[in-house]
Protein backbone atom coordinates (compact mmCIF):
# COMPACT_ATOMS: atom_id res chain seq x y z
CA MET A 1 -184.90 -54.96 -39.44
CA LYS A 2 -186.00 -53.95 -43.30
CA PRO A 3 -183.68 -55.69 -46.02
CA ILE A 4 -180.93 -53.23 -47.38
CA LYS A 5 -181.53 -54.64 -51.01
CA ILE A 6 -184.00 -54.05 -53.56
CA ALA A 7 -185.71 -56.72 -55.73
CA ILE A 8 -186.01 -55.32 -59.83
CA LYS A 9 -187.36 -57.79 -62.32
CA THR A 10 -185.28 -57.12 -65.87
CA LYS A 11 -184.96 -59.52 -68.42
CA GLY A 12 -187.04 -62.40 -66.90
CA LYS A 13 -184.76 -62.68 -63.61
CA ILE A 14 -185.22 -60.51 -60.37
CA LEU A 15 -181.89 -58.87 -59.46
CA LEU A 16 -181.16 -57.85 -55.92
CA ILE A 17 -179.23 -54.70 -55.96
CA HIS A 18 -178.27 -52.44 -53.03
CA PRO A 19 -180.16 -48.88 -53.31
CA GLY A 20 -176.80 -47.12 -52.40
CA ASP A 21 -175.32 -48.18 -55.84
CA ILE A 22 -178.17 -46.40 -57.69
CA LEU A 23 -177.31 -43.19 -58.55
CA ALA A 24 -180.28 -41.90 -60.18
CA VAL A 25 -183.59 -42.82 -61.86
CA GLU A 26 -184.84 -41.22 -64.98
CA ALA A 27 -188.34 -41.07 -66.20
CA GLU A 28 -188.95 -42.51 -69.59
CA GLY A 29 -192.71 -42.97 -70.66
CA ASN A 30 -194.17 -46.13 -68.90
CA TYR A 31 -190.63 -46.93 -67.79
CA VAL A 32 -187.73 -45.82 -65.51
CA LEU A 33 -184.41 -45.53 -66.26
CA LEU A 34 -182.22 -47.25 -62.83
CA ARG A 35 -178.91 -45.84 -63.14
CA ARG A 36 -175.90 -47.51 -61.74
CA ALA A 37 -172.18 -46.08 -62.13
CA THR A 38 -171.77 -49.35 -64.57
CA ASP A 39 -174.80 -50.27 -66.10
CA SER A 40 -178.76 -49.08 -65.90
CA TYR A 41 -181.66 -51.13 -65.86
CA LEU A 42 -185.06 -50.14 -67.72
CA LEU A 43 -188.09 -51.45 -65.35
CA ARG A 44 -191.89 -50.63 -66.14
CA GLU A 45 -192.57 -48.46 -63.44
CA SER A 46 -194.05 -44.68 -62.71
CA ILE A 47 -191.48 -42.35 -61.46
CA SER A 48 -194.22 -41.51 -58.66
CA THR A 49 -193.87 -44.85 -57.28
CA MET A 50 -190.03 -45.29 -57.65
CA ALA A 51 -189.82 -41.92 -55.40
CA GLU A 52 -192.31 -43.74 -52.86
CA LYS A 53 -190.29 -46.39 -52.62
CA LEU A 54 -186.78 -45.09 -52.94
CA GLU A 55 -187.59 -42.09 -50.41
CA ALA A 56 -186.53 -44.45 -47.30
CA TYR A 57 -183.01 -44.63 -49.08
CA GLY A 58 -182.32 -40.81 -49.35
CA PHE A 59 -183.50 -40.61 -53.13
CA ILE A 60 -184.90 -37.06 -53.52
CA ARG A 61 -186.97 -35.70 -56.48
CA VAL A 62 -185.19 -32.86 -58.24
CA HIS A 63 -187.45 -32.97 -61.42
CA ARG A 64 -190.97 -34.36 -62.07
CA SER A 65 -189.06 -37.08 -64.58
CA VAL A 66 -185.75 -37.65 -62.13
CA LEU A 67 -185.13 -38.80 -59.01
CA VAL A 68 -181.66 -38.63 -57.71
CA ASN A 69 -179.66 -40.34 -54.57
CA ALA A 70 -178.85 -37.57 -51.86
CA SER A 71 -175.39 -39.58 -51.11
CA SER A 72 -174.57 -39.41 -55.16
CA VAL A 73 -174.70 -35.50 -55.55
CA GLU A 74 -171.49 -33.74 -55.81
CA GLU A 75 -172.17 -30.35 -56.84
CA ILE A 76 -175.26 -28.09 -57.29
CA HIS A 77 -174.91 -24.27 -59.18
CA PRO A 78 -178.01 -22.01 -59.77
CA GLY A 79 -179.03 -21.69 -63.41
CA THR A 80 -180.13 -18.42 -65.19
CA SER A 81 -184.26 -18.40 -63.88
CA GLY A 82 -184.41 -19.76 -60.49
CA GLU A 83 -183.69 -23.33 -61.65
CA TYR A 84 -180.55 -25.28 -60.34
CA MET A 85 -177.89 -27.71 -62.15
CA LEU A 86 -176.83 -30.72 -60.04
CA ARG A 87 -174.10 -33.02 -60.75
CA ILE A 88 -173.83 -36.75 -59.48
CA ALA A 89 -170.95 -38.86 -59.10
CA GLY A 90 -169.84 -39.95 -62.73
CA GLY A 91 -170.27 -36.41 -63.94
CA ARG A 92 -173.92 -36.58 -65.04
CA GLN A 93 -175.91 -33.42 -64.51
CA TYR A 94 -179.91 -32.54 -63.87
CA MET A 95 -181.58 -29.82 -64.24
CA VAL A 96 -183.15 -29.24 -60.73
CA SER A 97 -187.04 -27.35 -61.74
CA ARG A 98 -188.34 -24.43 -59.29
CA THR A 99 -191.23 -26.89 -58.00
CA TYR A 100 -188.54 -29.07 -56.44
CA LYS A 101 -185.81 -27.21 -55.37
CA ASN A 102 -186.83 -27.06 -51.60
CA ASN A 103 -185.69 -30.74 -51.80
CA LEU A 104 -182.27 -29.71 -52.16
CA LYS A 105 -182.41 -28.67 -48.35
CA SER A 106 -182.22 -32.42 -47.47
CA LEU A 107 -179.12 -33.02 -49.22
CA ALA A 108 -176.80 -32.04 -46.40
CA HIS A 109 -177.14 -32.10 -42.36
CA ALA A 110 -175.73 -28.53 -42.66
CA TRP A 111 -175.41 -25.69 -44.99
CA ILE A 112 -172.53 -23.66 -44.46
CA GLY A 113 -171.72 -20.35 -46.15
CA THR A 114 -175.26 -20.86 -48.25
CA ASP A 115 -177.58 -18.72 -46.38
CA THR A 116 -179.20 -17.42 -49.27
CA PHE A 117 -180.11 -20.67 -50.55
CA VAL A 118 -181.59 -22.04 -47.62
CA ASP A 119 -183.73 -19.12 -46.74
CA GLU A 120 -185.31 -19.25 -50.02
CA GLY A 121 -188.66 -20.12 -50.63
């Protein structure tokens, strides 16, 4: 059985946090910001590496610089030019670029009354 927590090194110590507590990961230059409901951590890591490491925990890439925890997503609404806006727990919103739109399909086990979205692309 694999461990449920992930280890992150921050401010000279190693913290063990539950991946389910992370709402989103945002790229900031050579760093990524791990966003939790109460706090956030800046780590020297690439967004691509984080995407690989967190995929097993239900994180999906919605933009070249953003990963979201699928279980924290509360709402998706279409934008004006093919992109989508996605809102996570706590109210923060992220744009879903067209490149990553198909990743949204993995957010829900079943899509009810949303045939047009699921059939696209």
